C-alpha atoms as a PDB file:
ATOM      1  CA  MET A   1     -57.082   7.453   3.435  1.00  0.00           C
ATOM      2  CA  ILE A   2     -56.449   9.892   6.276  1.00  0.00           C
ATOM      3  CA  THR A   3     -58.548   9.581   9.422  1.00  0.00           C
ATOM      4  CA  LEU A   4     -58.394  12.706  11.587  1.00  0.00           C
ATOM      5  CA  VAL A   5     -59.612  13.246  15.138  1.00  0.00           C
ATOM      6  CA  PRO A   6     -59.490  17.034  15.712  1.00  0.00           C
ATOM      7  CA  THR A   7     -59.060  17.949  19.376  1.00  0.00           C
ATOM      8  CA  GLY A   8     -59.075  20.987  21.636  1.00  0.00           C
ATOM      9  CA  GLY A   9     -61.298  24.037  21.338  1.00  0.00           C
ATOM     10  CA  LEU A  10     -63.017  25.521  18.313  1.00  0.00           C
ATOM     11  CA  GLY A  11     -60.000  27.313  16.832  1.00  0.00           C
ATOM     12  CA  ASN A  12     -57.771  24.285  17.382  1.00  0.00           C
ATOM     13  CA  ARG A  13     -60.172  21.929  15.656  1.00  0.00           C
ATOM     14  CA  MET A  14     -60.758  24.201  12.686  1.00  0.00           C
ATOM     15  CA  ARG A  15     -57.020  24.541  12.180  1.00  0.00           C
ATOM     16  CA  ALA A  16     -56.431  20.786  12.396  1.00  0.00           C
ATOM     17  CA  ILE A  17     -59.224  20.115   9.890  1.00  0.00           C
ATOM     18  CA  ALA A  18     -57.967  22.786   7.484  1.00  0.00           C
ATOM     19  CA  SER A  19     -54.517  21.177   7.639  1.00  0.00           C
ATOM     20  CA  ALA A  20     -55.868  17.680   7.064  1.00  0.00           C
ATOM     21  CA  ILE A  21     -57.833  18.920   4.044  1.00  0.00           C
ATOM     22  CA  ALA A  22     -54.673  20.488   2.587  1.00  0.00           C
ATOM     23  CA  LEU A  23     -52.744  17.273   3.247  1.00  0.00           C
ATOM     24  CA  ALA A  24     -55.420  15.030   1.712  1.00  0.00           C
ATOM     25  CA  GLU A  25     -55.565  17.246  -1.373  1.00  0.00           C
ATOM     26  CA  ARG A  26     -51.802  17.039  -1.871  1.00  0.00           C
ATOM     27  CA  ALA A  27     -51.777  13.276  -1.213  1.00  0.00           C
ATOM     28  CA  LYS A  28     -54.799  12.762  -3.489  1.00  0.00           C
ATOM     29  CA  THR A  29     -56.569  10.688  -0.878  1.00  0.00           C
ATOM     30  CA  LYS A  30     -59.876  10.548   0.999  1.00  0.00           C
ATOM     31  CA  LEU A  31     -60.297  12.294   4.342  1.00  0.00           C
ATOM     32  CA  ARG A  32     -62.437  10.974   7.178  1.00  0.00           C
ATOM     33  CA  ILE A  33     -62.981  13.237  10.203  1.00  0.00           C
ATOM     34  CA  ILE A  34     -64.359  11.851  13.465  1.00  0.00           C
ATOM     35  CA  TRP A  35     -65.756  14.557  15.725  1.00  0.00           C
ATOM     36  CA  PHE A  36     -65.836  13.871  19.472  1.00  0.00           C
ATOM     37  CA  GLN A  37     -67.621  16.010  22.024  1.00  0.00           C
ATOM     38  CA  ASP A  38     -65.718  16.717  25.244  1.00  0.00           C
ATOM     39  CA  TRP A  39     -65.369  19.313  28.008  1.00  0.00           C
ATOM     40  CA  GLY A  40     -63.537  21.664  25.644  1.00  0.00           C
ATOM     41  CA  LEU A  41     -66.171  21.570  22.912  1.00  0.00           C
ATOM     42  CA  GLY A  42     -69.578  20.381  23.997  1.00  0.00           C
ATOM     43  CA  CYS A  43     -71.548  20.048  20.773  1.00  0.00           C
ATOM     44  CA  ASN A  44     -71.702  18.287  17.430  1.00  0.00           C
ATOM     45  CA  PHE A  45     -70.044  19.597  14.288  1.00  0.00           C
ATOM     46  CA  ASN A  46     -73.423  20.009  12.595  1.00  0.00           C
ATOM     47  CA  ASP A  47     -74.593  22.257  15.457  1.00  0.00           C
ATOM     48  CA  LEU A  48     -72.002  24.741  14.193  1.00  0.00           C
ATOM     49  CA  PHE A  49     -71.279  24.169  10.512  1.00  0.00           C
ATOM     50  CA  SER A  50     -72.963  23.061   7.327  1.00  0.00           C
ATOM     51  CA  PRO A  51     -71.426  19.934   5.720  1.00  0.00           C
ATOM     52  CA  LEU A  52     -67.854  20.365   4.512  1.00  0.00           C
ATOM     53  CA  ARG A  53     -67.461  20.601   0.762  1.00  0.00           C
ATOM     54  CA  HIS A  54     -64.304  20.470  -1.298  1.00  0.00           C
ATOM     55  CA  LEU A  55     -63.892  20.398  -5.063  1.00  0.00           C
ATOM     56  CA  HIS A  56     -60.948  18.011  -5.182  1.00  0.00           C
ATOM     57  CA  ILE A  57     -61.217  15.508  -2.328  1.00  0.00           C
ATOM     58  CA  ASP A  58     -63.828  13.265  -0.753  1.00  0.00           C
ATOM     59  CA  ILE A  59     -64.519  14.353   2.845  1.00  0.00           C
ATOM     60  CA  GLU A  60     -66.537  12.284   5.291  1.00  0.00           C
ATOM     61  CA  LEU A  61     -67.326  13.812   8.671  1.00  0.00           C
ATOM     62  CA  LYS A  62     -68.711  11.502  11.330  1.00  0.00           C
ATOM     63  CA  GLU A  63     -70.155  12.481  14.696  1.00  0.00           C
ATOM     64  CA  ALA A  64     -68.564  10.012  17.108  1.00  0.00           C
ATOM     65  CA  SER A  65     -70.785   7.246  18.474  1.00  0.00           C
ATOM     66  CA  PHE A  66     -70.334   5.380  21.743  1.00  0.00           C
ATOM     67  CA  LEU A  67     -68.512   2.612  19.878  1.00  0.00           C
ATOM     68  CA  ASP A  68     -66.201   5.140  18.222  1.00  0.00           C
ATOM     69  CA  LYS A  69     -64.903   6.095  21.671  1.00  0.00           C
ATOM     70  CA  TYR A  70     -63.180   2.729  21.755  1.00  0.00           C
ATOM     71  CA  LEU A  71     -62.361   2.379  18.066  1.00  0.00           C
ATOM     72  CA  TYR A  72     -61.072   5.841  17.159  1.00  0.00           C
ATOM     73  CA  ASP A  73     -60.608   8.074  20.199  1.00  0.00           C
ATOM     74  CA  ARG A  74     -57.191   9.056  21.508  1.00  0.00           C
ATOM     75  CA  PRO A  75     -55.839   6.291  23.771  1.00  0.00           C
ATOM     76  CA  ARG A  76     -56.047   7.622  27.337  1.00  0.00           C
ATOM     77  CA  ILE A  77     -56.433   6.481  30.920  1.00  0.00           C
ATOM     78  CA  LYS A  78     -60.154   7.286  30.765  1.00  0.00           C
ATOM     79  CA  ASN A  79     -60.669   4.701  27.994  1.00  0.00           C
ATOM     80  CA  PHE A  80     -58.047   2.295  29.382  1.00  0.00           C
ATOM     81  CA  PHE A  81     -55.986   2.820  26.194  1.00  0.00           C
ATOM     82  CA  ILE A  82     -58.321   0.401  24.403  1.00  0.00           C
ATOM     83  CA  PRO A  83     -58.435   2.466  21.164  1.00  0.00           C
ATOM     84  CA  TYR A  84     -54.679   1.973  20.768  1.00  0.00           C
ATOM     85  CA  LEU A  85     -55.186  -1.741  20.084  1.00  0.00           C
ATOM     86  CA  PHE A  86     -57.917  -1.221  17.486  1.00  0.00           C
ATOM     87  CA  GLU A  87     -56.072   1.631  15.782  1.00  0.00           C
ATOM     88  CA  LYS A  88     -52.906  -0.404  15.408  1.00  0.00           C
ATOM     89  CA  ILE A  89     -54.957  -3.092  13.680  1.00  0.00           C
ATOM     90  CA  GLN A  90     -56.956  -0.746  11.430  1.00  0.00           C
ATOM     91  CA  PHE A  91     -54.236   1.630  10.271  1.00  0.00           C
ATOM     92  CA  ASP A  92     -50.832   1.430   8.638  1.00  0.00           C
ATOM     93  CA  ALA A  93     -49.548   4.218  10.900  1.00  0.00           C
ATOM     94  CA  CYS A  94     -50.814   6.455  13.717  1.00  0.00           C
ATOM     95  CA  LEU A  95     -49.751   9.851  15.023  1.00  0.00           C
ATOM     96  CA  TYR A  96     -51.265  11.230  18.215  1.00  0.00           C
ATOM     97  CA  GLU A  97     -51.407  14.830  19.437  1.00  0.00           C
ATOM     98  CA  LYS A  98     -47.970  15.140  21.032  1.00  0.00           C
ATOM     99  CA  GLU A  99     -46.323  13.342  18.120  1.00  0.00           C
ATOM    100  CA  VAL A 100     -48.008  15.569  15.534  1.00  0.00           C
ATOM    101  CA  THR A 101     -46.956  18.695  17.426  1.00  0.00           C
ATOM    102  CA  THR A 102     -43.372  17.506  17.987  1.00  0.00           C
ATOM    103  CA  ASN A 103     -43.034  16.352  14.373  1.00  0.00           C
ATOM    104  CA  PHE A 104     -44.362  19.654  13.063  1.00  0.00           C
ATOM    105  CA  PHE A 105     -41.667  21.618  14.907  1.00  0.00           C
ATOM    106  CA  HIS A 106     -39.042  19.179  13.598  1.00  0.00           C
ATOM    107  CA  HIS A 107     -40.183  19.699   9.973  1.00  0.00           C
ATOM    108  CA  PHE A 108     -41.615  16.199   9.599  1.00  0.00           C
ATOM    109  CA  ASP A 109     -42.658  15.199   6.066  1.00  0.00           C
ATOM    110  CA  PHE A 110     -46.363  14.513   6.644  1.00  0.00           C
ATOM    111  CA  LEU A 111     -46.989  14.149   2.916  1.00  0.00           C
ATOM    112  CA  SER A 112     -44.528  11.285   2.420  1.00  0.00           C
ATOM    113  CA  TRP A 113     -45.782   9.687   5.645  1.00  0.00           C
ATOM    114  CA  CYS A 114     -49.395   9.455   4.482  1.00  0.00           C
ATOM    115  CA  GLN A 115     -49.135   8.892   0.726  1.00  0.00           C
ATOM    116  CA  GLY A 116     -50.473   5.522  -0.379  1.00  0.00           C
ATOM    117  CA  ARG A 117     -51.315   4.500   3.202  1.00  0.00           C
ATOM    118  CA  ASN A 118     -54.276   4.260   5.541  1.00  0.00           C
ATOM    119  CA  VAL A 119     -53.269   6.548   8.401  1.00  0.00           C
ATOM    120  CA  TYR A 120     -54.683   7.974  11.631  1.00  0.00           C
ATOM    121  CA  MET A 121     -53.995  11.372  13.173  1.00  0.00           C
ATOM    122  CA  ALA A 122     -55.192  13.206  16.278  1.00  0.00           C
ATOM    123  CA  SER A 123     -54.266  16.870  16.327  1.00  0.00           C
ATOM    124  CA  CYS A 124     -55.065  20.213  17.953  1.00  0.00           C
ATOM    125  CA  ILE A 125     -52.785  22.285  15.676  1.00  0.00           C
ATOM    126  CA  SER A 126     -52.342  23.218  12.030  1.00  0.00           C
ATOM    127  CA  PHE A 127     -49.571  20.890  10.919  1.00  0.00           C
ATOM    128  CA  PHE A 128     -49.589  21.069   7.092  1.00  0.00           C
ATOM    129  CA  PRO A 129     -48.364  23.099   5.337  1.00  0.00           C
ATOM    130  CA  SER A 130     -46.058  25.052   7.623  1.00  0.00           C
ATOM    131  CA  LYS A 131     -48.393  28.066   7.289  1.00  0.00           C
ATOM    132  CA  LEU A 132     -52.050  27.752   6.314  1.00  0.00           C
ATOM    133  CA  PRO A 133     -52.725  29.489   2.996  1.00  0.00           C
ATOM    134  CA  ARG A 134     -55.181  32.354   2.569  1.00  0.00           C
ATOM    135  CA  GLY A 135     -58.685  30.950   2.237  1.00  0.00           C
ATOM    136  CA  ALA A 136     -57.930  27.771   4.189  1.00  0.00           C
ATOM    137  CA  PHE A 137     -61.056  28.292   6.294  1.00  0.00           C
ATOM    138  CA  ASP A 138     -63.400  28.904   3.357  1.00  0.00           C
ATOM    139  CA  VAL A 139     -64.486  25.263   3.594  1.00  0.00           C
ATOM    140  CA  PHE A 140     -66.250  26.061   6.886  1.00  0.00           C
ATOM    141  CA  ARG A 141     -69.741  27.535   6.556  1.00  0.00           C
ATOM    142  CA  PRO A 142     -71.681  28.402   9.728  1.00  0.00           C
ATOM    143  CA  ILE A 143     -75.191  26.960   9.790  1.00  0.00           C
ATOM    144  CA  PRO A 144     -77.844  29.444   8.541  1.00  0.00           C
ATOM    145  CA  LYS A 145     -79.200  30.562  11.921  1.00  0.00           C
ATOM    146  CA  LEU A 146     -75.683  31.351  13.181  1.00  0.00           C
ATOM    147  CA  LEU A 147     -74.729  33.083   9.944  1.00  0.00           C
ATOM    148  CA  GLU A 148     -77.809  35.259  10.358  1.00  0.00           C
ATOM    149  CA  CYS A 149     -76.597  36.306  13.832  1.00  0.00           C
ATOM    150  CA  ILE A 150     -73.118  37.046  12.483  1.00  0.00           C
ATOM    151  CA  ASN A 151     -74.503  39.154   9.640  1.00  0.00           C
ATOM    152  CA  LYS A 152     -76.895  41.006  11.939  1.00  0.00           C
ATOM    153  CA  THR A 153     -74.118  42.026  14.334  1.00  0.00           C
ATOM    154  CA  GLY A 154     -71.771  42.928  11.490  1.00  0.00           C
ATOM    155  CA  ARG A 155     -74.378  45.160   9.867  1.00  0.00           C
ATOM    156  CA  SER A 156     -74.886  47.006  13.160  1.00  0.00           C
ATOM    157  CA  PHE A 157     -71.203  47.901  13.493  1.00  0.00           C
ATOM    158  CA  PRO A 158     -70.288  51.592  13.436  1.00  0.00           C
ATOM    159  CA  ALA A 159     -67.711  52.837  10.928  1.00  0.00           C
ATOM    160  CA  SER A 160     -64.611  51.826  12.913  1.00  0.00           C
ATOM    161  CA  VAL A 161     -64.563  48.678  15.065  1.00  0.00           C
ATOM    162  CA  VAL A 162     -61.539  46.929  16.570  1.00  0.00           C
ATOM    163  CA  GLY A 163     -62.015  43.342  17.718  1.00  0.00           C
ATOM    164  CA  VAL A 164     -60.882  42.305  21.198  1.00  0.00           C
ATOM    165  CA  HIS A 165     -60.576  38.685  22.257  1.00  0.00           C
ATOM    166  CA  ILE A 166     -59.837  38.063  25.929  1.00  0.00           C
ATOM    167  CA  ARG A 167     -59.483  34.392  26.815  1.00  0.00           C
ATOM    168  CA  ARG A 168     -60.022  33.347  30.421  1.00  0.00           C
ATOM    169  CA  THR A 169     -61.524  30.306  32.255  1.00  0.00           C
ATOM    170  CA  ASP A 170     -59.225  27.305  31.675  1.00  0.00           C
ATOM    171  CA  ASN A 171     -56.385  28.974  29.714  1.00  0.00           C
ATOM    172  CA  ILE A 172     -53.857  29.628  32.484  1.00  0.00           C
ATOM    173  CA  THR A 173     -51.184  30.906  30.100  1.00  0.00           C
ATOM    174  CA  ALA A 174     -53.523  33.431  28.483  1.00  0.00           C
ATOM    175  CA  ILE A 175     -54.592  34.697  31.903  1.00  0.00           C
ATOM    176  CA  ALA A 176     -50.986  35.099  33.042  1.00  0.00           C
ATOM    177  CA  ASP A 177     -49.500  36.536  29.842  1.00  0.00           C
ATOM    178  CA  SER A 178     -52.454  38.673  28.738  1.00  0.00           C
ATOM    179  CA  PRO A 179     -53.995  40.301  31.833  1.00  0.00           C
ATOM    180  CA  ILE A 180     -56.945  42.594  31.320  1.00  0.00           C
ATOM    181  CA  GLU A 181     -54.937  45.635  32.463  1.00  0.00           C
ATOM    182  CA  ILE A 182     -52.726  45.615  29.377  1.00  0.00           C
ATOM    183  CA  PHE A 183     -55.738  45.169  27.100  1.00  0.00           C
ATOM    184  CA  ILE A 184     -57.201  48.302  28.662  1.00  0.00           C
ATOM    185  CA  GLN A 185     -53.910  50.190  28.209  1.00  0.00           C
ATOM    186  CA  ARG A 186     -53.719  49.162  24.550  1.00  0.00           C
ATOM    187  CA  MET A 187     -57.376  50.005  23.875  1.00  0.00           C
ATOM    188  CA  HIS A 188     -56.909  53.507  25.306  1.00  0.00           C
ATOM    189  CA  GLN A 189     -54.290  54.065  22.588  1.00  0.00           C
ATOM    190  CA  GLU A 190     -57.034  53.925  19.956  1.00  0.00           C
ATOM    191  CA  ASP A 191     -58.908  57.056  18.946  1.00  0.00           C
ATOM    192  CA  LYS A 192     -61.969  57.747  21.091  1.00  0.00           C
ATOM    193  CA  THR A 193     -64.164  57.383  18.011  1.00  0.00           C
ATOM    194  CA  ILE A 194     -63.201  53.690  17.787  1.00  0.00           C
ATOM    195  CA  SER A 195     -65.650  51.084  19.098  1.00  0.00           C
ATOM    196  CA  PHE A 196     -64.610  47.629  20.307  1.00  0.00           C
ATOM    197  CA  TYR A 197     -66.248  44.286  19.610  1.00  0.00           C
ATOM    198  CA  LEU A 198     -65.449  42.150  22.668  1.00  0.00           C
ATOM    199  CA  ALA A 199     -65.392  38.349  22.505  1.00  0.00           C
ATOM    200  CA  THR A 200     -64.673  36.602  25.800  1.00  0.00           C
ATOM    201  CA  ASP A 201     -65.529  33.532  27.850  1.00  0.00           C
ATOM    202  CA  SER A 202     -65.770  35.602  31.045  1.00  0.00           C
ATOM    203  CA  GLU A 203     -68.785  37.550  32.266  1.00  0.00           C
ATOM    204  CA  GLY A 204     -66.475  39.434  34.646  1.00  0.00           C
ATOM    205  CA  VAL A 205     -64.390  40.708  31.720  1.00  0.00           C
ATOM    206  CA  LYS A 206     -67.534  41.945  29.972  1.00  0.00           C
ATOM    207  CA  GLN A 207     -68.578  43.947  33.021  1.00  0.00           C
ATOM    208  CA  GLU A 208     -65.112  45.422  33.616  1.00  0.00           C
ATOM    209  CA  MET A 209     -64.771  46.487  29.985  1.00  0.00           C
ATOM    210  CA  LYS A 210     -68.217  48.091  29.968  1.00  0.00           C
ATOM    211  CA  GLN A 211     -67.308  50.049  33.084  1.00  0.00           C
ATOM    212  CA  GLU A 212     -64.072  51.236  31.470  1.00  0.00           C
ATOM    213  CA  PHE A 213     -65.277  52.024  27.936  1.00  0.00           C
ATOM    214  CA  GLY A 214     -69.046  52.390  28.273  1.00  0.00           C
ATOM    215  CA  ASN A 215     -71.041  52.233  25.051  1.00  0.00           C
ATOM    216  CA  ARG A 216     -67.883  51.860  22.982  1.00  0.00           C
ATOM    217  CA  ILE A 217     -68.045  48.144  23.915  1.00  0.00           C
ATOM    218  CA  ILE A 218     -70.122  45.887  21.680  1.00  0.00           C
ATOM    219  CA  THR A 219     -70.512  42.386  23.109  1.00  0.00           C
ATOM    220  CA  SER A 220     -72.947  39.490  23.288  1.00  0.00           C
ATOM    221  CA  LEU A 221     -75.839  39.731  25.740  1.00  0.00           C
ATOM    222  CA  ASN A 222     -75.733  35.948  26.180  1.00  0.00           C
ATOM    223  CA  LYS A 223     -73.908  34.352  29.074  1.00  0.00           C
ATOM    224  CA  ALA A 224     -70.309  33.371  28.284  1.00  0.00           C
ATOM    225  CA  LYS A 225     -69.880  29.598  28.453  1.00  0.00           C
ATOM    226  CA  ARG A 226     -68.218  26.978  26.289  1.00  0.00           C
ATOM    227  CA  ASN A 227     -69.280  23.552  27.622  1.00  0.00           C
ATOM    228  CA  ASP A 228     -72.632  23.044  25.856  1.00  0.00           C
ATOM    229  CA  ARG A 229     -74.238  23.545  22.462  1.00  0.00           C
ATOM    230  CA  ASP A 230     -75.611  27.033  23.127  1.00  0.00           C
ATOM    231  CA  GLY A 231     -72.268  28.203  24.469  1.00  0.00           C
ATOM    232  CA  MET A 232     -70.338  26.815  21.520  1.00  0.00           C
ATOM    233  CA  GLN A 233     -72.758  28.317  19.024  1.00  0.00           C
ATOM    234  CA  GLU A 234     -72.217  31.659  20.740  1.00  0.00           C
ATOM    235  CA  ALA A 235     -68.441  31.117  20.459  1.00  0.00           C
ATOM    236  CA  LEU A 236     -68.746  30.488  16.717  1.00  0.00           C
ATOM    237  CA  VAL A 237     -70.771  33.662  16.261  1.00  0.00           C
ATOM    238  CA  GLU A 238     -68.094  35.588  18.177  1.00  0.00           C
ATOM    239  CA  LEU A 239     -65.294  34.008  16.115  1.00  0.00           C
ATOM    240  CA  TYR A 240     -66.816  35.050  12.795  1.00  0.00           C
ATOM    241  CA  THR A 241     -67.935  38.453  14.080  1.00  0.00           C
ATOM    242  CA  LEU A 242     -64.358  39.134  15.223  1.00  0.00           C
ATOM    243  CA  SER A 243     -63.238  38.291  11.684  1.00  0.00           C
ATOM    244  CA  ARG A 244     -65.311  41.226  10.394  1.00  0.00           C
ATOM    245  CA  THR A 245     -63.508  43.864  12.434  1.00  0.00           C
ATOM    246  CA  SER A 246     -60.587  45.944  11.157  1.00  0.00           C
ATOM    247  CA  LEU A 247     -58.003  44.624  13.650  1.00  0.00           C
ATOM    248  CA  ILE A 248     -57.997  42.011  16.412  1.00  0.00           C
ATOM    249  CA  LEU A 249     -56.334  42.524  19.789  1.00  0.00           C
ATOM    250  CA  GLY A 250     -55.891  38.911  20.837  1.00  0.00           C
ATOM    251  CA  SER A 251     -54.895  36.794  23.797  1.00  0.00           C
ATOM    252  CA  SER A 252     -51.567  35.027  24.124  1.00  0.00           C
ATOM    253  CA  HIS A 253     -51.627  31.266  23.459  1.00  0.00           C
ATOM    254  CA  SER A 254     -55.122  31.321  21.975  1.00  0.00           C
ATOM    255  CA  THR A 255     -55.766  29.976  18.495  1.00  0.00           C
ATOM    256  CA  PHE A 256     -59.222  31.590  18.625  1.00  0.00           C
ATOM    257  CA  SER A 257     -57.732  35.063  18.107  1.00  0.00           C
ATOM    258  CA  ILE A 258     -55.448  33.940  15.272  1.00  0.00           C
ATOM    259  CA  THR A 259     -58.123  31.884  13.527  1.00  0.00           C
ATOM    260  CA  ALA A 260     -60.565  34.806  13.539  1.00  0.00           C
ATOM    261  CA  ALA A 261     -57.901  37.014  11.977  1.00  0.00           C
ATOM    262  CA  GLU A 262     -57.106  34.449   9.282  1.00  0.00           C
ATOM    263  CA  ILE A 263     -60.786  33.960   8.444  1.00  0.00           C
ATOM    264  CA  GLY A 264     -61.127  37.715   7.884  1.00  0.00           C
ATOM    265  CA  ASP A 265     -57.641  38.161   6.404  1.00  0.00           C
ATOM    266  CA  ILE A 266     -56.914  40.908   8.951  1.00  0.00           C
ATOM    267  CA  GLN A 267     -54.106  41.655  11.397  1.00  0.00           C
ATOM    268  CA  CYS A 268     -54.025  40.064  14.835  1.00  0.00           C
ATOM    269  CA  GLU A 269     -51.999  41.891  17.475  1.00  0.00           C
ATOM    270  CA  ILE A 270     -51.322  39.612  20.450  1.00  0.00           C
ATOM    271  CA  ILE A 271     -51.575  41.550  23.711  1.00  0.00           C
ATOM    272  CA  LYS A 272     -49.129  40.218  26.287  1.00  0.00           C
ATOM    273  CA  LYS A 273     -46.631  41.279  28.890  1.00  0.00           C
ATOM    274  CA  GLY A 274     -43.319  42.569  27.537  1.00  0.00           C
END
């Protein structure tokens, strides 16, 4: 069996889960996913998605309990590294975030590593296969009330809509590499008949874009935040609405932009300096 703890933000976790599903299918083994809330994603899985279903493997998704923080969480200073002791007892082998990432870039054989064993992984990236196949995110189904919001916004789109994802707040690299000025320059290259669907975690970005492009900007009226359930549900709606545009202008070092493009099977053009 594979036990996965997906980490990071929404795009990161979806990519890690999609990879673990692909790995479990190839290894012909059961997959258990333990979902922890933290500052980067402040809600339960079932606040966002309907239960995961797969035709070929058994998937169990568990919302982490208080006890799970010591049995299955990533060993860290904040938990005094206690989970490390329990995980070494419970599992044949463990790979934590940095190891998964390093091994991926060194072409590690994850399939051979997990076959016939009870293993643990914590990951914030897609690690198997080397490139996620088309349809890898089909296993995710937004809960009905969020899907209704996604459909409502999508139906209101004009004929030509380009998606724009501008990541701010805690992503220092995205802020440095993808400043708003170059988004504006790139957006002015589009025909004036083109509208833009803007997804962002910054209220300031919303206001600046509205001042620059007026009613060509389509964006959520809700306050941009990511640290509670309402904020994360809004992020999921934005992710899937972005996937319904014709092209995404995305932020550097943000899996959100790339994941939206892969869900919709559309192009993602990363906007960055140089």
